[in-house]
Amino acid sequence: MRKVVFVVIALVMVFMLLAPVMAQELMRVRGTVTKIDTETMSVTIEPEGGAKVTVIMGNAESLSRVKVGETVESRYTVSEGKNIGKRLRKVSEGCE
């Protein structure tokens, strides 16, 4: 019986520690690239009718696929006040 209680308590503690990580919501921004900064590995996107969003991407390869003026979509999470990019892709004209 003691072992069962110990296992249950251990599982509860693991889930409590993982809850903030699992709770990160995947955000999305779609708009025009206004700036690409290869030093900070970031891209600034201005959605139509909205405020600019800067997303930090993990590598320069993802930034090399887009250019200033192109329409893109980025998916990201917010961690410690920074937008951490998970995906960055060009959006074809006429696609929604």
Protein backbone atom coordinates (compact mmCIF):
# COMPACT_ATOMS: atom_id res chain seq x y z
CA MET A 1 0.00 0.00 0.00
CA ARG A 2 2.86 2.38 0.81
CA LYS A 3 4.34 1.86 -2.64
CA VAL A 4 1.04 2.74 -4.31
CA VAL A 5 0.73 5.95 -2.30
CA PHE A 6 4.34 6.85 -3.11
CA VAL A 7 3.79 6.27 -6.85
CA VAL A 8 0.59 8.33 -6.85
CA ILE A 9 2.30 11.22 -5.04
CA ALA A 10 5.25 11.06 -7.45
CA LEU A 11 2.92 11.15 -10.48
CA VAL A 12 0.99 14.11 -9.09
CA MET A 13 4.25 16.01 -8.55
CA VAL A 14 5.45 15.26 -12.10
CA PHE A 15 2.18 16.53 -13.59
CA MET A 16 2.36 19.67 -11.45
CA LEU A 17 5.84 20.41 -12.78
CA LEU A 18 4.86 19.73 -16.39
CA ALA A 19 1.61 21.70 -16.34
CA PRO A 20 3.18 25.09 -17.21
CA VAL A 21 5.09 23.54 -20.11
CA MET A 22 2.00 21.81 -21.49
CA ALA A 23 -0.10 24.94 -20.99
CA GLN A 24 1.90 27.05 -23.45
CA GLU A 25 -0.54 28.10 -26.10
CA LEU A 26 0.58 28.06 -29.70
CA MET A 27 0.00 31.55 -31.11
CA ARG A 28 -0.28 32.52 -34.78
CA VAL A 29 0.49 35.70 -36.69
CA ARG A 30 -0.03 36.25 -40.40
CA GLY A 31 1.12 39.36 -42.21
CA THR A 32 3.89 41.13 -44.10
CA VAL A 33 7.56 40.77 -43.18
CA THR A 34 8.87 44.23 -42.29
CA LYS A 35 12.27 43.26 -40.86
CA ILE A 36 14.63 40.27 -40.73
CA ASP A 37 17.44 40.39 -38.15
CA THR A 38 19.98 37.60 -38.64
CA GLU A 39 21.95 38.59 -35.52
CA THR A 40 19.03 38.03 -33.17
CA MET A 41 17.50 35.35 -35.48
CA SER A 42 14.21 37.24 -35.52
CA VAL A 43 11.58 38.30 -38.01
CA THR A 44 9.11 41.15 -37.57
CA ILE A 45 5.66 40.60 -39.04
CA GLU A 46 2.97 43.26 -39.42
CA PRO A 47 -0.53 41.79 -39.64
CA GLU A 48 -3.16 43.71 -41.57
CA GLY A 49 -4.75 46.14 -39.12
CA GLY A 50 -2.65 45.00 -36.18
CA ALA A 51 0.52 45.69 -34.23
CA LYS A 52 3.87 44.34 -35.38
CA VAL A 53 5.01 41.06 -33.83
CA THR A 54 8.66 40.03 -33.57
CA VAL A 55 9.29 36.29 -33.49
CA ILE A 56 12.64 34.74 -32.59
CA MET A 57 13.37 31.74 -34.79
CA GLY A 58 15.75 28.95 -33.81
CA ASN A 59 17.97 29.08 -36.88
CA ALA A 60 19.02 31.22 -39.81
CA GLU A 61 17.74 28.65 -42.32
CA SER A 62 14.10 29.44 -41.52
CA LEU A 63 14.82 33.16 -41.94
CA SER A 64 16.55 32.61 -45.30
CA ARG A 65 13.30 31.26 -46.77
CA VAL A 66 11.48 34.59 -46.46
CA LYS A 67 12.13 38.16 -47.60
CA VAL A 68 11.00 41.60 -46.50
CA GLY A 69 7.68 42.41 -48.16
CA GLU A 70 6.47 38.81 -48.40
CA THR A 71 3.31 37.55 -46.73
CA VAL A 72 4.13 34.93 -44.10
CA GLU A 73 2.59 33.00 -41.25
CA SER A 74 4.41 32.18 -38.04
CA ARG A 75 3.40 29.95 -35.16
CA TYR A 76 5.05 30.67 -31.85
CA THR A 77 4.82 30.37 -28.10
CA VAL A 78 5.45 33.09 -25.53
CA SER A 79 8.19 32.23 -23.06
CA GLU A 80 9.63 34.69 -20.54
CA GLY A 81 8.14 37.57 -22.51
CA LYS A 82 9.69 36.49 -25.83
CA ASN A 83 7.92 35.10 -28.89
CA ILE A 84 9.71 31.84 -29.68
CA GLY A 85 9.04 30.67 -33.22
CA LYS A 86 8.00 27.11 -33.95
CA ARG A 87 7.20 27.56 -37.64
CA LEU A 88 7.66 30.22 -40.31
CA ARG A 89 6.30 29.86 -43.83
CA LYS A 90 5.45 31.95 -46.85
CA VAL A 91 1.78 32.30 -47.67
CA SER A 92 0.83 32.04 -51.34
CA GLU A 93 -1.27 34.87 -52.73
CA GLY A 94 -4.97 34.05 -52.57
CA CYS A 95 -4.54 31.32 -49.91
CA GLU A 96 -6.33 31.65 -46.60
